[in-house]
Amino acid sequence: MSLLAQLNTAITTGAIEVVDLTAPLSENTPILQLPEPFANTIPFGLEEISRYDERGPRWYWNNIHTGEHTGTHLDVPVHWVSGKDGHDVSEVPLRTLVAPAVVLDASARAAEDPDFLLSVEDIREWERENGPLPDGGWLLYRTGWDARSHDQEAFLNNDESGPHTPGVSAECARWLAEEAPITGFGVETVGTDAGQALALEPAFPCHELLLGAGKHGLTQLRNLASLPATGSLLVVSPLPIVGGSGSPARVYALVERA
């Protein structure tokens, strides 16, 4: 039996589970809100073209209105000034879009402190227990934040000092960009950086450093609790937008079950 036939059989029998990590995309999907004077993306919306009526008697279809960075989406290097000479979303290497993934669970610490920042030592401790980060793969950062994704206010967690969501320290972002063998970093929050990342040095270090190093980001993931710490195969399916800085994406993981 060929390898692809074995894979198909394993999925059919449930020996390999396909776990959807994508937030449904609708007008209720939480979106990033930047303070003035910065410009913001638009919410997702559908504009009906026809629905089995005089505009089209046997078909239903819509125009979609959204930003590249809405819902579960992929960030690519040209999204940030530090990566402006890098590749756009149509040029992402296919090997990046089908790659091994590991999950680091910091949900208990994020529950205690919504401004929790992951450190290099946290990752090294995880590696001592689970082995090295995957070469050319993804580090997925579980904070439990997907439990808030039904409610924009709870998801963004804003107060008078701005948003409060977990992320990584600037030192950790630099390590992920310059030393870790990964191709990308995925989170459950609205962006790869912490809510208070404007105050870090550099500001928004995941964007500045990882994208500047030619790496990638995934945001607003769900169901990371269903994945093992190691052993998943991640599949990321963005739109190949020429010149695009990112794209909403369907993201899922293949997980071997005993």
Protein backbone atom coordinates (compact mmCIF):
# COMPACT_ATOMS: atom_id res chain seq x y z
CA MET A 1 0.00 0.00 0.00
CA SER A 2 1.36 3.45 -0.92
CA LEU A 3 2.11 5.99 1.78
CA LEU A 4 -0.80 8.20 0.64
CA ALA A 5 -3.15 5.21 0.69
CA GLN A 6 -1.97 4.40 4.22
CA LEU A 7 -2.64 7.99 5.25
CA ASN A 8 -6.12 7.93 3.75
CA THR A 9 -6.92 4.64 5.51
CA ALA A 10 -5.65 5.99 8.82
CA ILE A 11 -7.85 9.09 8.52
CA THR A 12 -10.87 7.02 7.48
CA THR A 13 -10.49 4.60 10.39
CA GLY A 14 -9.74 7.34 12.93
CA ALA A 15 -6.18 6.21 13.56
CA ILE A 16 -5.29 9.74 12.49
CA GLU A 17 -7.66 12.47 13.65
CA VAL A 18 -8.07 15.73 11.75
CA VAL A 19 -8.40 18.50 14.37
CA ASP A 20 -9.77 21.83 13.16
CA LEU A 21 -7.83 24.74 14.68
CA THR A 22 -9.75 27.46 12.84
CA ALA A 23 -12.18 30.00 14.27
CA PRO A 24 -15.38 30.31 12.19
CA LEU A 25 -15.31 33.46 10.07
CA SER A 26 -18.37 35.71 10.43
CA GLU A 27 -19.38 39.25 11.26
CA ASN A 28 -18.94 38.26 14.93
CA THR A 29 -15.29 37.24 14.56
CA PRO A 30 -13.16 39.39 16.91
CA ILE A 31 -10.76 41.71 15.10
CA LEU A 32 -7.76 43.73 16.19
CA GLN A 33 -8.50 47.30 17.27
CA LEU A 34 -5.57 49.72 17.03
CA PRO A 35 -5.73 53.08 18.84
CA GLU A 36 -5.86 56.38 16.97
CA PRO A 37 -4.29 57.62 14.79
CA PHE A 38 -3.66 54.15 13.29
CA ALA A 39 -6.02 52.75 10.66
CA ASN A 40 -7.99 49.57 11.33
CA THR A 41 -9.18 46.63 9.28
CA ILE A 42 -12.88 46.09 8.56
CA PRO A 43 -14.96 43.32 10.11
CA PHE A 44 -15.78 40.29 8.00
CA GLY A 45 -18.96 40.68 5.95
CA LEU A 46 -20.96 38.93 3.23
CA GLU A 47 -22.65 40.82 0.39
CA GLU A 48 -25.27 38.66 -1.29
CA ILE A 49 -25.09 38.48 -5.10
CA SER A 50 -28.03 36.14 -5.62
CA ARG A 51 -29.91 33.44 -3.74
CA TYR A 52 -32.14 31.30 -5.94
CA ASP A 53 -34.02 34.38 -7.17
CA GLU A 54 -34.31 36.67 -10.20
CA ARG A 55 -30.64 37.65 -9.80
CA GLY A 56 -29.68 33.99 -10.20
CA PRO A 57 -32.50 31.46 -10.12
CA ARG A 58 -30.52 28.33 -9.27
CA TRP A 59 -27.48 29.56 -7.37
CA TYR A 60 -26.45 31.31 -4.20
CA TRP A 61 -23.22 33.29 -3.87
CA ASN A 62 -21.69 36.27 -2.10
CA ASN A 63 -18.97 38.85 -2.30
CA ILE A 64 -16.81 38.80 0.81
CA HIS A 65 -15.48 41.90 2.54
CA THR A 66 -12.66 41.49 5.01
CA GLY A 67 -9.08 42.30 5.82
CA GLU A 68 -6.11 40.02 5.31
CA HIS A 69 -5.62 39.79 9.07
CA THR A 70 -9.13 38.80 10.17
CA GLY A 71 -9.91 35.71 12.22
CA THR A 72 -7.57 32.76 12.04
CA HIS A 73 -4.92 34.05 9.67
CA LEU A 74 -1.34 33.78 8.48
CA ASP A 75 1.20 36.60 8.85
CA VAL A 76 4.06 36.65 6.33
CA PRO A 77 7.29 38.69 6.30
CA VAL A 78 6.05 41.61 4.17
CA HIS A 79 3.39 42.32 6.82
CA TRP A 80 6.05 44.18 8.83
CA VAL A 81 8.60 46.80 7.85
CA SER A 82 11.42 44.58 9.11
CA GLY A 83 10.40 41.96 6.53
CA LYS A 84 9.42 44.30 3.71
CA ASP A 85 11.88 42.68 1.29
CA GLY A 86 10.65 39.18 2.10
CA HIS A 87 7.96 37.04 0.53
CA ASP A 88 4.24 37.73 0.28
CA VAL A 89 1.49 35.26 1.08
CA SER A 90 1.38 33.88 -2.47
CA GLU A 91 5.07 32.97 -2.17
CA VAL A 92 5.06 31.06 1.12
CA PRO A 93 7.01 27.82 0.63
CA LEU A 94 4.63 24.86 0.57
CA ARG A 95 6.85 23.06 3.07
CA THR A 96 5.98 25.81 5.55
CA LEU A 97 2.25 25.13 5.06
CA VAL A 98 2.52 21.40 5.78
CA ALA A 99 4.93 20.96 8.68
CA PRO A 100 5.34 19.37 12.12
CA ALA A 101 3.96 21.22 15.11
CA VAL A 102 4.43 21.17 18.86
CA VAL A 103 2.29 22.71 21.58
CA LEU A 104 3.56 24.59 24.62
CA ASP A 105 0.78 24.91 27.21
CA ALA A 106 0.94 28.04 29.39
CA SER A 107 -2.84 28.25 29.94
CA ALA A 108 -2.63 27.99 33.73
CA ARG A 109 -0.19 30.88 33.94
CA ALA A 110 -2.19 33.00 31.48
CA ALA A 111 -5.32 32.38 33.56
CA GLU A 112 -3.55 33.87 36.57
CA ASP A 113 -2.02 36.78 34.62
CA PRO A 114 -3.51 37.95 31.30
CA ASP A 115 -0.25 39.86 30.63
CA PHE A 116 1.90 36.72 31.03
CA LEU A 117 4.98 36.71 28.77
CA LEU A 118 6.62 33.47 27.73
CA SER A 119 10.38 33.39 28.34
CA VAL A 120 13.28 31.58 26.72
CA GLU A 121 13.65 29.54 29.90
CA ASP A 122 10.01 28.42 29.61
CA ILE A 123 10.77 27.03 26.16
CA ARG A 124 14.01 25.40 27.31
CA GLU A 125 12.12 23.76 30.19
CA TRP A 126 9.56 22.49 27.68
CA GLU A 127 12.41 21.13 25.52
CA ARG A 128 13.92 19.28 28.49
CA GLU A 129 10.62 17.45 28.91
CA ASN A 130 9.61 17.01 25.26
CA GLY A 131 12.69 17.28 23.07
CA PRO A 132 13.82 19.99 20.65
CA LEU A 133 11.54 22.26 18.67
CA PRO A 134 10.86 20.86 15.19
CA ASP A 135 13.25 21.92 12.45
CA GLY A 136 11.16 23.79 9.87
CA GLY A 137 8.05 23.31 11.98
CA TRP A 138 5.69 25.34 14.14
CA LEU A 139 5.59 26.24 17.81
CA LEU A 140 1.95 26.60 18.89
CA TYR A 141 1.46 28.56 22.11
CA ARG A 142 -1.60 27.52 24.15
CA THR A 143 -2.92 30.12 26.59
CA GLY A 144 -6.59 29.08 26.84
CA TRP A 145 -7.52 32.36 25.15
CA ASP A 146 -9.70 30.60 22.58
CA ALA A 147 -12.35 30.21 25.31
CA ARG A 148 -12.95 33.96 24.94
CA SER A 149 -13.24 34.02 21.16
CA HIS A 150 -17.05 34.20 21.11
CA ASP A 151 -16.91 37.70 22.65
CA GLN A 152 -14.80 40.53 21.20
CA GLU A 153 -14.71 42.45 24.47
CA ALA A 154 -13.46 39.48 26.47
CA PHE A 155 -11.11 38.43 23.68
CA LEU A 156 -9.37 41.82 23.35
CA ASN A 157 -9.57 42.42 27.13
CA ASN A 158 -9.13 46.18 26.92
CA ASP A 159 -9.08 48.66 29.76
CA GLU A 160 -7.85 52.24 30.11
CA SER A 161 -4.26 51.07 29.68
CA GLY A 162 -4.98 49.08 26.53
CA PRO A 163 -5.40 45.39 25.72
CA HIS A 164 -4.26 42.68 28.12
CA THR A 165 -3.52 39.38 26.41
CA PRO A 166 -0.62 36.94 26.86
CA GLY A 167 2.38 36.82 24.56
CA VAL A 168 6.14 36.43 24.64
CA SER A 169 8.95 38.55 26.02
CA ALA A 170 11.16 40.52 23.66
CA GLU A 171 14.09 38.27 24.55
CA CYS A 172 12.01 35.20 23.73
CA ALA A 173 10.85 36.66 20.43
CA ARG A 174 14.48 37.32 19.48
CA TRP A 175 15.44 33.76 20.39
CA LEU A 176 12.57 32.35 18.33
CA ALA A 177 13.61 34.54 15.40
CA GLU A 178 17.37 34.03 15.52
CA GLU A 179 18.06 30.69 17.21
CA ALA A 180 14.99 28.45 17.17
CA PRO A 181 14.73 26.13 14.13
CA ILE A 182 11.01 26.80 13.61
CA THR A 183 9.42 28.36 10.55
CA GLY A 184 6.54 29.90 12.49
CA PHE A 185 4.81 30.69 15.77
CA GLY A 186 1.07 30.25 16.35
CA VAL A 187 -1.19 31.68 19.07
CA GLU A 188 -4.81 31.71 20.22
CA THR A 189 -4.92 35.49 20.69
CA VAL A 190 -5.78 38.22 18.16
CA GLY A 191 -2.12 38.68 17.23
CA THR A 192 1.20 36.98 17.83
CA ASP A 193 2.30 39.74 20.20
CA ALA A 194 1.07 40.38 23.72
CA GLY A 195 -1.60 43.00 24.29
CA GLN A 196 0.94 45.29 25.97
CA ALA A 197 3.68 44.63 23.39
CA LEU A 198 3.86 48.29 22.33
CA ALA A 199 5.77 48.92 25.57
CA LEU A 200 8.39 46.22 24.89
CA GLU A 201 11.76 46.85 23.23
CA PRO A 202 11.47 46.46 20.36
CA ALA A 203 7.76 47.19 20.20
CA PHE A 204 5.70 44.26 18.91
CA PRO A 205 8.76 41.97 19.01
CA CYS A 206 7.14 38.90 17.44
CA HIS A 207 6.19 40.91 14.38
CA GLU A 208 9.42 42.87 14.28
CA LEU A 209 11.83 39.99 14.84
CA LEU A 210 10.16 36.82 13.52
CA LEU A 211 8.79 38.39 10.36
CA GLY A 212 12.07 40.23 9.91
CA ALA A 213 13.82 36.85 10.03
CA GLY A 214 11.59 35.48 7.24
CA LYS A 215 9.42 33.45 9.62
CA HIS A 216 5.63 33.34 9.95
CA GLY A 217 2.79 33.85 12.41
CA LEU A 218 -0.58 32.21 12.94
CA THR A 219 -3.27 33.83 15.06
CA GLN A 220 -6.66 33.10 16.58
CA LEU A 221 -6.17 29.36 16.66
CA ARG A 222 -8.63 27.11 18.48
CA ASN A 223 -8.60 23.64 20.00
CA LEU A 224 -4.90 23.49 20.82
CA ALA A 225 -5.98 21.60 23.94
CA SER A 226 -6.86 18.70 21.62
CA LEU A 227 -3.29 18.37 20.37
CA PRO A 228 -0.42 16.47 22.01
CA ALA A 229 2.70 18.31 23.03
CA THR A 230 4.56 16.75 20.10
CA GLY A 231 3.78 14.67 17.04
CA SER A 232 1.15 16.70 15.16
CA LEU A 233 1.36 17.62 11.49
CA LEU A 234 0.05 21.14 10.83
CA VAL A 235 -1.70 22.09 7.59
CA VAL A 236 -2.20 25.82 6.84
CA SER A 237 -4.30 26.89 3.83
CA PRO A 238 -4.18 30.65 3.16
CA LEU A 239 -5.40 32.36 0.01
CA PRO A 240 -2.44 32.90 -2.36
CA ILE A 241 -2.97 36.67 -2.60
CA VAL A 242 -0.33 38.20 -4.86
CA GLY A 243 1.27 41.04 -2.91
CA GLY A 244 -0.70 40.04 0.19
CA SER A 245 0.69 40.60 3.67
CA GLY A 246 -1.36 37.74 5.06
CA SER A 247 -4.60 35.84 4.61
CA PRO A 248 -7.43 34.26 6.54
CA ALA A 249 -6.61 30.55 6.60
CA ARG A 250 -8.12 27.17 7.32
CA VAL A 251 -5.74 25.52 9.75
CA TYR A 252 -5.92 21.94 10.94
CA ALA A 253 -3.69 19.30 12.47
CA LEU A 254 -3.27 15.60 11.78
CA VAL A 255 -2.91 13.74 15.07
CA GLU A 256 -2.10 10.07 15.43
CA ARG A 257 -4.44 8.38 17.90
CA ALA A 258 -3.73 5.04 19.55
